[in-house]
Amino acid sequence: MFLSVFDMFKVGIGPSSSHTMGPMVAAARFLDRMRAADFACAGVKGSLHGSLAFTGVGHATDRAVILGLAGFRPESYDAEAAEAALAAIRETKTVTPEGLTELAFDPARDLRFDYDRALPGHANGMILMGTDAQGDVILQETYYSVGGGFVLTEEELARGKDTDDGPPVPYPFRSATEMLAMAEASGLSIAQMKRANEVSRGSGDALDRGVARIWEVMDACIERGMHADGILPGGLKVRRRAKTIRDALVAERGTNLAAPHTINDWMSLYAMAVNEENAAGGQVVTAPTNGAAGVVPATIRYWLDHVPGASRSKVPDFLLTAAAIGGLVKYNASISGAEAGCQAEVGSAAAMAAAGLCAVLGGTPAQIENAAEIALEHHLGMTCDPVKGLVQVPCIERNGLGAVKAVSAASLALRGDGVHLVPLDACIETMRQVGADMAEKYKETSLGGLAVNVPNC
C-alpha cells in the first residue's frame, strides 16, 4: 500500500476537500474523457447526489463543478479569473474549456441537486454527462469524491482499495502493526521509511521541494488568517475571530497576566486562522481534508514558536510521519466526513498531528503509534453536523480543540514507553465500524445534530 505525502497533503481551495476540491477535480477529469472521445459533444450537464446535494450550496459544490467544467483546477486556482469565468458562463450559458469546442451549459438548468436519489458507491456522488446537439446523453461518468480531494470513478471504486499500480516500495506497510515491525527490523524511523517509499517513486530533490512547499502554504494560510477580519460568507454571519484572539495574546506577553493554560489559546488560534481562511474559500492544504485543515499546521506552528529546540529542518519529518499515519487511516477506514462523520476528519488530523509532533520531539516508533492512537481514540463517535452545510460551525473551533488534543496525546505518549492496551489498528477499525453504524443525518448532510438545533440565520 502506498499513498504519497502529496496525496495526503494537497494544495487546494476552501471550503471543502470532498465537496469543493473533489467535484472540481471530477469535472476536470470528465473534460479529459471528452477530449479522448472519438466524437464531439455539444453540451454538458450533471447531477449531485447524497451529501453533495444536501450540503452542496453551503460547500460551494455547484460553483466548483461549474469552474471545473470551465477548466479550473484546485492546485492552480485563480480567484479573480474564476469570478470572471462564472459571470461569463452565466451570461453566455456556455463553457469553452481548452482543447474542446464551445459546450452548451446553463448552470441553472444543467446542474441539478438530486435530493431523492443517493448513489450506491459513496455519500458524495455525482454524474457528469456529455450531450449531442439535441441534448441527448452520449457520454456519461459517475464520480465519487471520497474525502481529502480524492476522486474515483464508479469503476475505480468497484476495483477496491488496493489499486496502486506503481513499482514496489521498500516499506509497503498496510497497518500500524506492519509499520512497527518494519521499523524494528530496519532500524529506521517512520519518517525515514516514508521518505524511502517516496524516493522510490520519484527523486529526493522533488520530495524536498514538495514538502517545503506544503509547509510554506500552510504557514502562509496561518498568517493570512491571523491578520484578516470581517464576516465569513454563507449567510450565518460568523465573524472571524483569529485576529482578535491574536491581538489579545500578543498584548498579554510580558505582563504576567497570562495563565499557563493560555498556550491552548495559541494552538486554537493557529488552527482557527486556517479554518477561517478555508471557510472564506482561500488557499489551504488538505490535512487530510479541508474541514480538518487546521490541526496539523497549528501543531507544527505551536512546536516551532513555543517549544524550545524546535527547528524548521525537522518539519519534513513531522509531515512524513503524519502522512504515514493518515495513509493508514484512509486505507483501513476513511477520512471522509460524509462517510464516517467528523471522527474521520478532525480525528484523523489529530492522530496525524500527534504522531508528527511525537516524532520531532524524539519519540520512538512505538511512542508515535501510541500518540496517534490516543488522539484518534478520543474523537471516536464525533459527528459531522455543520450548521447550514457551511464549514464554519462547529468546524472552525473543532480544529482548535483537535490541535490541543494532538499536543496532549503526543505528550502523554512520550511519558510512556510505547506499550499500551489499544493498538492503533484496533482504534482505526473501531472508527470504521462507528462510521458505518452512524446515522446518515450525522454524516455531513446537515440533517441532524447542531445543524437542526441552531438557527441558520
Protein backbone atom coordinates (compact mmCIF):
# COMPACT_ATOMS: atom_id res chain seq x y z
CA MET A 1 0.00 0.00 0.00
CA PHE A 2 1.39 3.39 -0.98
CA LEU A 3 -0.23 6.78 -0.52
CA SER A 4 2.14 9.64 -1.19
CA VAL A 5 2.67 12.54 1.19
CA PHE A 6 1.36 14.62 -1.71
CA ASP A 7 -1.85 12.60 -1.70
CA MET A 8 -2.44 13.35 1.98
CA PHE A 9 -1.34 16.99 1.73
CA LYS A 10 -2.73 18.70 -1.37
CA VAL A 11 -2.71 22.43 -2.07
CA GLY A 12 -6.24 23.48 -2.92
CA ILE A 13 -9.09 25.83 -2.11
CA GLY A 14 -11.79 26.03 0.54
CA PRO A 15 -14.22 25.36 1.92
CA SER A 16 -14.22 21.56 1.47
CA SER A 17 -11.85 18.99 0.02
CA SER A 18 -14.66 16.50 -0.59
CA HIS A 19 -17.39 18.94 -1.60
CA THR A 20 -15.37 21.65 -3.37
CA MET A 21 -11.98 20.31 -4.47
CA GLY A 22 -13.23 16.81 -5.32
CA PRO A 23 -16.09 17.93 -7.58
CA MET A 24 -13.77 20.38 -9.35
CA VAL A 25 -11.28 17.55 -9.92
CA ALA A 26 -14.09 15.27 -11.15
CA ALA A 27 -15.21 17.91 -13.66
CA ALA A 28 -11.64 18.29 -14.90
CA ARG A 29 -11.39 14.51 -15.31
CA PHE A 30 -14.62 14.48 -17.29
CA LEU A 31 -13.19 17.10 -19.64
CA ASP A 32 -10.30 14.71 -20.25
CA ARG A 33 -12.83 11.97 -21.07
CA MET A 34 -14.48 14.28 -23.56
CA ARG A 35 -11.15 15.19 -25.15
CA ALA A 36 -10.28 11.49 -25.55
CA ALA A 37 -13.65 10.54 -27.07
CA ASP A 38 -13.94 9.68 -30.76
CA PHE A 39 -16.90 12.04 -31.08
CA ALA A 40 -17.54 15.65 -30.15
CA CYS A 41 -20.06 16.69 -27.53
CA ALA A 42 -22.19 19.77 -27.99
CA GLY A 43 -23.12 20.27 -24.33
CA VAL A 44 -22.53 19.12 -20.79
CA LYS A 45 -24.69 18.65 -17.72
CA GLY A 46 -24.56 16.95 -14.34
CA SER A 47 -26.30 15.95 -11.13
CA LEU A 48 -25.20 15.98 -7.50
CA HIS A 49 -26.32 13.24 -5.10
CA GLY A 50 -26.28 12.38 -1.40
CA SER A 51 -24.21 14.71 0.75
CA LEU A 52 -23.10 16.65 -2.32
CA ALA A 53 -26.74 17.58 -2.85
CA PHE A 54 -27.77 18.22 0.75
CA THR A 55 -24.81 20.45 1.66
CA GLY A 56 -23.63 21.38 -1.80
CA VAL A 57 -24.73 25.01 -1.69
CA GLY A 58 -23.03 25.62 1.65
CA HIS A 59 -19.85 23.95 0.40
CA ALA A 60 -19.91 25.77 -2.97
CA THR A 61 -20.14 22.41 -4.77
CA ASP A 62 -22.12 23.85 -7.67
CA ARG A 63 -19.58 26.64 -8.09
CA ALA A 64 -16.73 24.10 -8.04
CA VAL A 65 -18.34 21.94 -10.74
CA ILE A 66 -19.06 24.95 -12.95
CA LEU A 67 -15.46 26.14 -12.68
CA GLY A 68 -14.13 22.61 -13.16
CA LEU A 69 -16.08 22.31 -16.40
CA ALA A 70 -14.55 25.63 -17.44
CA GLY A 71 -11.06 24.17 -16.96
CA PHE A 72 -10.14 25.33 -13.45
CA ARG A 73 -8.20 23.05 -11.10
CA PRO A 74 -7.72 23.39 -7.32
CA GLU A 75 -3.91 23.46 -7.37
CA SER A 76 -3.76 26.39 -9.82
CA TYR A 77 -6.95 28.20 -8.81
CA ASP A 78 -7.06 31.95 -9.52
CA ALA A 79 -9.88 33.67 -7.61
CA GLU A 80 -10.08 36.73 -9.86
CA ALA A 81 -10.13 34.65 -13.05
CA ALA A 82 -12.76 32.38 -11.50
CA GLU A 83 -15.13 35.27 -10.81
CA ALA A 84 -14.80 36.50 -14.38
CA ALA A 85 -15.39 33.00 -15.74
CA LEU A 86 -18.52 32.49 -13.62
CA ALA A 87 -20.01 35.75 -14.82
CA ALA A 88 -19.30 34.86 -18.46
CA ILE A 89 -20.78 31.36 -18.11
CA ARG A 90 -23.99 32.64 -16.58
CA GLU A 91 -24.34 35.21 -19.34
CA THR A 92 -23.45 33.04 -22.35
CA LYS A 93 -24.71 29.72 -20.93
CA THR A 94 -21.66 28.01 -22.40
CA VAL A 95 -18.23 26.78 -21.33
CA THR A 96 -15.21 26.63 -23.60
CA PRO A 97 -12.53 24.53 -21.92
CA GLU A 98 -9.12 24.21 -23.55
CA GLY A 99 -8.98 21.54 -26.24
CA LEU A 100 -12.76 21.35 -26.69
CA THR A 101 -15.29 23.24 -28.74
CA GLU A 102 -17.83 25.52 -27.10
CA LEU A 103 -20.22 23.47 -24.95
CA ALA A 104 -23.79 24.42 -24.09
CA PHE A 105 -24.09 24.67 -20.30
CA ASP A 106 -26.65 26.65 -18.36
CA PRO A 107 -25.80 26.18 -14.65
CA ALA A 108 -29.35 26.90 -13.52
CA ARG A 109 -30.77 24.21 -15.79
CA ASP A 110 -27.95 21.75 -16.44
CA LEU A 111 -26.55 21.20 -12.92
CA ARG A 112 -29.15 19.54 -10.72
CA PHE A 113 -29.19 18.90 -6.98
CA ASP A 114 -30.80 15.47 -6.70
CA TYR A 115 -32.02 15.16 -3.11
CA ASP A 116 -34.02 12.00 -3.77
CA ARG A 117 -31.51 9.54 -5.21
CA ALA A 118 -28.31 8.61 -3.41
CA LEU A 119 -25.71 6.78 -5.47
CA PRO A 120 -24.62 3.36 -4.17
CA GLY A 121 -20.86 3.79 -4.02
CA HIS A 122 -20.41 6.68 -1.60
CA ALA A 123 -22.33 9.51 0.03
CA ASN A 124 -20.53 12.05 -2.18
CA GLY A 125 -21.70 11.03 -5.65
CA MET A 126 -22.07 12.96 -8.89
CA ILE A 127 -22.89 12.14 -12.51
CA LEU A 128 -21.50 14.15 -15.42
CA MET A 129 -22.86 13.82 -18.94
CA GLY A 130 -21.88 14.97 -22.41
CA THR A 131 -24.76 15.64 -24.79
CA ASP A 132 -25.24 15.96 -28.53
CA ALA A 133 -26.84 18.88 -30.35
CA GLN A 134 -30.33 17.58 -29.49
CA GLY A 135 -29.47 17.34 -25.79
CA ASP A 136 -29.31 13.53 -25.73
CA VAL A 137 -26.64 11.97 -23.49
CA ILE A 138 -23.79 10.43 -25.48
CA LEU A 139 -21.12 10.25 -22.77
CA GLN A 140 -21.58 9.67 -19.05
CA GLU A 141 -19.43 9.00 -16.00
CA THR A 142 -20.18 8.61 -12.30
CA TYR A 143 -17.66 10.06 -9.86
CA TYR A 144 -17.29 9.73 -6.11
CA SER A 145 -15.49 12.33 -4.03
CA VAL A 146 -14.25 10.08 -1.24
CA GLY A 147 -12.59 12.66 1.01
CA GLY A 148 -9.40 14.70 1.04
CA GLY A 149 -9.81 15.69 -2.60
CA PHE A 150 -9.58 12.05 -3.76
CA VAL A 151 -11.90 11.23 -6.65
CA LEU A 152 -12.78 7.80 -8.01
CA THR A 153 -14.92 6.76 -10.93
CA GLU A 154 -17.56 4.12 -10.38
CA GLU A 155 -15.25 1.54 -11.95
CA GLU A 156 -12.26 2.60 -9.85
CA LEU A 157 -14.30 2.41 -6.67
CA ALA A 158 -15.55 -1.07 -7.60
CA ARG A 159 -11.96 -2.31 -8.02
CA GLY A 160 -11.35 -1.75 -4.32
CA LYS A 161 -8.74 -0.01 -2.22
CA ASP A 162 -5.54 -1.71 -3.31
CA THR A 163 -5.27 -0.27 -6.83
CA ASP A 164 -1.72 1.07 -6.66
CA ASP A 165 -0.13 0.11 -9.97
CA GLY A 166 3.28 1.71 -9.37
CA PRO A 167 6.57 -0.08 -8.71
CA PRO A 168 7.06 -1.74 -5.32
CA VAL A 169 8.13 0.45 -2.42
CA PRO A 170 10.69 -0.74 0.14
CA TYR A 171 8.34 -0.45 3.14
CA PRO A 172 4.79 -1.28 1.98
CA PHE A 173 3.09 -1.28 5.39
CA ARG A 174 -0.71 -1.51 5.31
CA SER A 175 -1.25 -1.45 9.05
CA ALA A 176 0.36 0.07 12.11
CA THR A 177 1.44 -3.41 13.16
CA GLU A 178 3.33 -3.88 9.90
CA MET A 179 4.75 -0.36 10.18
CA LEU A 180 6.18 -1.03 13.64
CA ALA A 181 7.58 -4.40 12.60
CA MET A 182 9.32 -2.86 9.58
CA ALA A 183 10.71 -0.04 11.71
CA GLU A 184 12.13 -2.53 14.21
CA ALA A 185 13.61 -4.75 11.51
CA SER A 186 15.16 -1.87 9.57
CA GLY A 187 16.21 0.32 12.47
CA LEU A 188 14.61 3.28 10.67
CA SER A 189 12.15 5.85 11.92
CA ILE A 190 8.66 6.11 10.45
CA ALA A 191 9.72 9.29 8.63
CA GLN A 192 12.78 7.57 7.18
CA MET A 193 10.71 4.65 5.90
CA LYS A 194 8.15 7.04 4.43
CA ARG A 195 10.92 9.02 2.76
CA ALA A 196 12.40 5.85 1.26
CA ASN A 197 8.98 4.95 -0.15
CA GLU A 198 8.56 8.41 -1.66
CA VAL A 199 12.03 8.49 -3.20
CA SER A 200 11.44 5.05 -4.77
CA ARG A 201 8.64 6.67 -6.80
CA GLY A 202 10.42 9.95 -7.57
CA SER A 203 13.50 11.89 -6.55
CA GLY A 204 14.78 13.17 -3.26
CA ASP A 205 15.07 16.72 -4.59
CA ALA A 206 11.46 16.73 -5.80
CA LEU A 207 10.32 15.36 -2.45
CA ASP A 208 12.22 18.04 -0.54
CA ARG A 209 10.85 20.83 -2.72
CA GLY A 210 7.30 19.49 -2.50
CA VAL A 211 7.33 19.08 1.28
CA ALA A 212 8.81 22.55 1.70
CA ARG A 213 6.02 23.90 -0.48
CA ILE A 214 3.39 22.18 1.69
CA TRP A 215 4.64 23.88 4.84
CA GLU A 216 5.06 27.20 3.02
CA VAL A 217 1.38 27.18 2.01
CA MET A 218 0.26 26.01 5.47
CA ASP A 219 2.23 28.71 7.24
CA ALA A 220 1.09 31.43 4.85
CA CYS A 221 -2.50 30.37 5.49
CA ILE A 222 -1.99 30.76 9.25
CA GLU A 223 -0.54 34.24 8.74
CA ARG A 224 -3.38 35.38 6.47
CA GLY A 225 -5.96 34.05 8.87
CA MET A 226 -4.39 35.78 11.87
CA HIS A 227 -4.46 39.17 10.15
CA ALA A 228 -7.85 39.08 8.42
CA ASP A 229 -11.14 40.18 9.89
CA GLY A 230 -14.74 40.58 8.77
CA ILE A 231 -17.72 38.29 8.25
CA LEU A 232 -17.39 34.86 6.67
CA PRO A 233 -19.54 34.19 3.58
CA GLY A 234 -22.57 31.90 3.55
CA GLY A 235 -25.26 33.69 5.49
CA LEU A 236 -24.56 32.63 9.08
CA LYS A 237 -22.79 35.95 9.68
CA VAL A 238 -19.97 34.23 11.53
CA ARG A 239 -17.33 36.79 12.42
CA ARG A 240 -13.66 35.96 12.02
CA ARG A 241 -12.09 35.67 15.48
CA ALA A 242 -8.45 34.74 14.85
CA LYS A 243 -7.17 38.32 14.50
CA THR A 244 -8.85 39.47 17.71
CA ILE A 245 -7.53 36.46 19.63
CA ARG A 246 -4.02 37.00 18.27
CA ASP A 247 -4.03 40.69 19.16
CA ALA A 248 -5.11 39.89 22.71
CA LEU A 249 -2.50 37.16 23.15
CA VAL A 250 0.29 39.41 21.83
CA ALA A 251 -0.82 42.20 24.16
CA GLU A 252 -0.61 39.86 27.17
CA ARG A 253 3.02 38.93 26.50
CA GLY A 254 5.36 40.03 29.26
CA THR A 255 2.58 41.32 31.53
CA ASN A 256 2.48 38.40 34.00
CA LEU A 257 -1.24 38.21 33.26
CA ALA A 258 -1.22 35.09 31.11
CA ALA A 259 -2.26 31.85 32.80
CA PRO A 260 -0.38 28.66 31.88
CA HIS A 261 -3.41 27.34 30.00
CA THR A 262 -3.15 30.30 27.60
CA ILE A 263 -0.88 28.11 25.47
CA ASN A 264 -4.08 26.28 24.46
CA ASP A 265 -5.35 29.57 23.06
CA TRP A 266 -2.28 29.86 20.84
CA MET A 267 -2.85 26.33 19.49
CA SER A 268 -6.51 27.09 18.85
CA LEU A 269 -5.62 30.42 17.27
CA TYR A 270 -3.35 28.85 14.66
CA ALA A 271 -5.95 26.23 13.75
CA MET A 272 -8.85 28.67 13.67
CA ALA A 273 -6.85 31.03 11.45
CA VAL A 274 -6.51 28.24 8.87
CA ASN A 275 -10.13 27.19 9.03
CA GLU A 276 -11.42 30.74 8.78
CA GLU A 277 -9.37 31.07 5.60
CA ASN A 278 -10.83 27.77 4.42
CA ALA A 279 -14.38 28.94 5.17
CA ALA A 280 -13.69 32.06 3.13
CA GLY A 281 -12.65 29.96 0.12
CA GLY A 282 -8.94 30.69 0.48
CA GLN A 283 -5.92 28.56 -0.35
CA VAL A 284 -5.35 25.74 2.13
CA VAL A 285 -3.67 22.33 2.29
CA THR A 286 -5.76 19.22 2.84
CA ALA A 287 -4.52 17.69 6.07
CA PRO A 288 -6.03 15.22 5.40
CA THR A 289 -9.16 17.23 4.41
CA ASN A 290 -10.12 20.89 4.17
CA GLY A 291 -12.58 20.62 7.03
CA ALA A 292 -9.70 19.43 9.24
CA ALA A 293 -7.01 21.52 7.56
CA GLY A 294 -6.07 23.50 10.67
CA VAL A 295 -4.96 20.75 13.06
CA VAL A 296 -1.63 19.72 11.52
CA PRO A 297 -0.32 23.22 10.66
CA ALA A 298 -1.43 24.53 14.07
CA THR A 299 0.51 21.78 15.81
CA ILE A 300 3.60 22.46 13.72
CA ARG A 301 3.36 26.21 14.36
CA TYR A 302 2.90 25.60 18.10
CA TRP A 303 6.02 23.44 18.11
CA LEU A 304 8.11 25.94 16.14
CA ASP A 305 7.02 29.01 18.10
CA HIS A 306 6.65 27.69 21.63
CA VAL A 307 8.77 24.56 22.14
CA PRO A 308 12.48 25.02 22.97
CA GLY A 309 14.79 23.32 20.49
CA ALA A 310 12.28 23.21 17.63
CA SER A 311 13.79 23.57 14.17
CA ARG A 312 12.27 24.11 10.73
CA SER A 313 14.70 21.49 9.44
CA LYS A 314 12.58 18.84 11.15
CA VAL A 315 9.28 19.91 9.58
CA PRO A 316 9.70 17.31 6.79
CA ASP A 317 9.97 14.55 9.41
CA PHE A 318 6.75 15.84 11.01
CA LEU A 319 4.88 15.85 7.69
CA LEU A 320 6.22 12.49 6.51
CA THR A 321 5.28 10.84 9.81
CA ALA A 322 1.84 12.44 9.74
CA ALA A 323 1.31 11.31 6.15
CA ALA A 324 2.19 7.72 7.07
CA ILE A 325 -0.47 7.70 9.79
CA GLY A 326 -3.02 9.43 7.57
CA GLY A 327 -2.43 6.84 4.87
CA LEU A 328 -3.19 4.03 7.31
CA VAL A 329 -6.45 5.67 8.36
CA LYS A 330 -7.55 6.31 4.79
CA TYR A 331 -6.65 2.80 3.60
CA ASN A 332 -8.24 0.94 6.52
CA ALA A 333 -11.17 3.23 7.32
CA SER A 334 -11.99 6.69 5.96
CA ILE A 335 -11.03 10.37 6.11
CA SER A 336 -14.44 11.45 4.76
CA GLY A 337 -16.97 13.18 7.00
CA ALA A 338 -19.74 12.14 4.62
CA GLU A 339 -18.72 8.52 5.07
CA ALA A 340 -17.80 8.31 8.76
CA GLY A 341 -18.51 11.64 10.47
CA CYS A 342 -16.05 14.17 11.81
CA GLN A 343 -14.14 11.45 13.66
CA ALA A 344 -12.78 10.64 10.20
CA GLU A 345 -11.73 14.24 9.54
CA VAL A 346 -10.65 16.04 12.71
CA GLY A 347 -9.99 12.71 14.45
CA SER A 348 -7.67 11.59 11.65
CA ALA A 349 -6.00 15.02 11.57
CA ALA A 350 -5.38 14.90 15.32
CA ALA A 351 -3.85 11.43 15.01
CA MET A 352 -1.59 12.64 12.21
CA ALA A 353 -0.57 15.76 14.14
CA ALA A 354 0.07 13.83 17.37
CA ALA A 355 2.27 11.35 15.51
CA GLY A 356 4.22 14.11 13.76
CA LEU A 357 4.79 16.05 16.97
CA CYS A 358 5.83 12.93 18.86
CA ALA A 359 8.33 12.18 16.08
CA VAL A 360 10.05 15.58 16.11
CA LEU A 361 10.16 15.51 19.92
CA GLY A 362 12.24 12.35 19.72
CA GLY A 363 9.59 9.67 20.11
CA THR A 364 10.23 6.07 19.14
CA PRO A 365 8.04 4.41 16.50
CA ALA A 366 6.09 2.72 19.32
CA GLN A 367 5.52 6.04 21.08
CA ILE A 368 4.46 7.65 17.78
CA GLU A 369 1.92 4.88 17.18
CA ASN A 370 0.66 5.37 20.74
CA ALA A 371 0.31 9.14 20.22
CA ALA A 372 -1.76 8.63 17.08
CA GLU A 373 -3.99 6.10 18.87
CA ILE A 374 -4.63 8.38 21.85
CA ALA A 375 -5.61 11.28 19.61
CA LEU A 376 -7.91 9.21 17.40
CA GLU A 377 -9.49 7.29 20.26
CA HIS A 378 -10.76 10.47 21.87
CA HIS A 379 -12.52 11.60 18.71
CA LEU A 380 -14.42 8.33 18.21
CA GLY A 381 -18.13 8.93 17.58
CA MET A 382 -17.74 12.58 16.60
CA THR A 383 -20.49 13.58 14.19
CA CYS A 384 -20.29 15.84 11.17
CA ASP A 385 -23.23 18.24 11.55
CA PRO A 386 -22.29 21.61 10.01
CA VAL A 387 -24.85 24.34 10.50
CA LYS A 388 -26.35 25.35 7.13
CA GLY A 389 -23.89 22.98 5.43
CA LEU A 390 -21.09 25.51 5.89
CA VAL A 391 -17.61 24.54 7.06
CA GLN A 392 -17.85 27.06 9.90
CA VAL A 393 -19.87 25.91 12.92
CA PRO A 394 -18.68 23.75 14.65
CA CYS A 395 -15.79 23.11 12.26
CA ILE A 396 -13.57 26.13 12.94
CA GLU A 397 -13.37 25.74 16.73
CA ARG A 398 -13.29 21.95 16.38
CA ASN A 399 -9.92 22.24 14.63
CA GLY A 400 -8.58 24.26 17.54
CA LEU A 401 -9.61 21.60 20.02
CA GLY A 402 -8.22 18.93 17.68
CA ALA A 403 -4.80 20.60 17.84
CA VAL A 404 -4.96 20.78 21.65
CA LYS A 405 -5.82 17.07 21.79
CA ALA A 406 -2.98 16.26 19.38
CA VAL A 407 -0.40 18.00 21.56
CA SER A 408 -1.78 16.35 24.70
CA ALA A 409 -1.72 12.93 23.02
CA ALA A 410 1.91 13.34 21.92
CA SER A 411 2.92 14.48 25.40
CA LEU A 412 1.18 11.55 27.08
CA ALA A 413 2.76 9.06 24.68
CA LEU A 414 6.23 10.49 25.35
CA ARG A 415 5.68 9.92 29.08
CA GLY A 416 5.38 6.19 28.38
CA ASP A 417 7.46 3.56 26.63
CA GLY A 418 5.05 2.89 23.77
CA VAL A 419 3.39 -0.12 25.42
CA HIS A 420 -0.36 0.41 25.64
CA LEU A 421 -3.62 -1.53 25.64
CA VAL A 422 -5.44 -0.36 22.48
CA PRO A 423 -3.43 -0.73 19.25
CA LEU A 424 -3.80 2.00 16.61
CA ASP A 425 -5.09 -0.64 14.19
CA ALA A 426 -7.93 -1.51 16.59
CA CYS A 427 -8.77 2.15 17.01
CA ILE A 428 -8.87 2.71 13.24
CA GLU A 429 -11.11 -0.33 12.77
CA THR A 430 -13.37 0.91 15.56
CA MET A 431 -13.65 4.27 13.82
CA ARG A 432 -14.63 2.49 10.61
CA GLN A 433 -17.31 0.48 12.40
CA VAL A 434 -18.68 3.52 14.22
CA GLY A 435 -18.84 5.38 10.92
CA ALA A 436 -20.76 2.51 9.32
CA ASP A 437 -23.23 2.46 12.21
CA MET A 438 -23.65 6.24 12.39
CA ALA A 439 -26.97 7.60 11.13
CA GLU A 440 -26.74 9.40 7.80
CA LYS A 441 -28.12 12.59 9.33
CA TYR A 442 -24.88 12.91 11.30
CA LYS A 443 -22.61 12.47 8.27
CA GLU A 444 -22.30 15.85 6.54
CA THR A 445 -25.90 16.08 5.40
CA SER A 446 -26.84 18.88 7.84
CA LEU A 447 -30.00 16.91 8.70
CA GLY A 448 -29.20 16.30 12.37
CA GLY A 449 -27.27 17.50 15.41
CA LEU A 450 -26.20 21.12 15.63
CA ALA A 451 -27.38 21.68 12.05
CA VAL A 452 -31.03 21.41 13.10
CA ASN A 453 -30.78 22.74 16.67
CA VAL A 454 -29.08 26.04 15.90
CA PRO A 455 -30.88 28.78 13.93
CA ASN A 456 -29.49 29.14 10.41
CA CYS A 457 -29.59 32.92 10.45
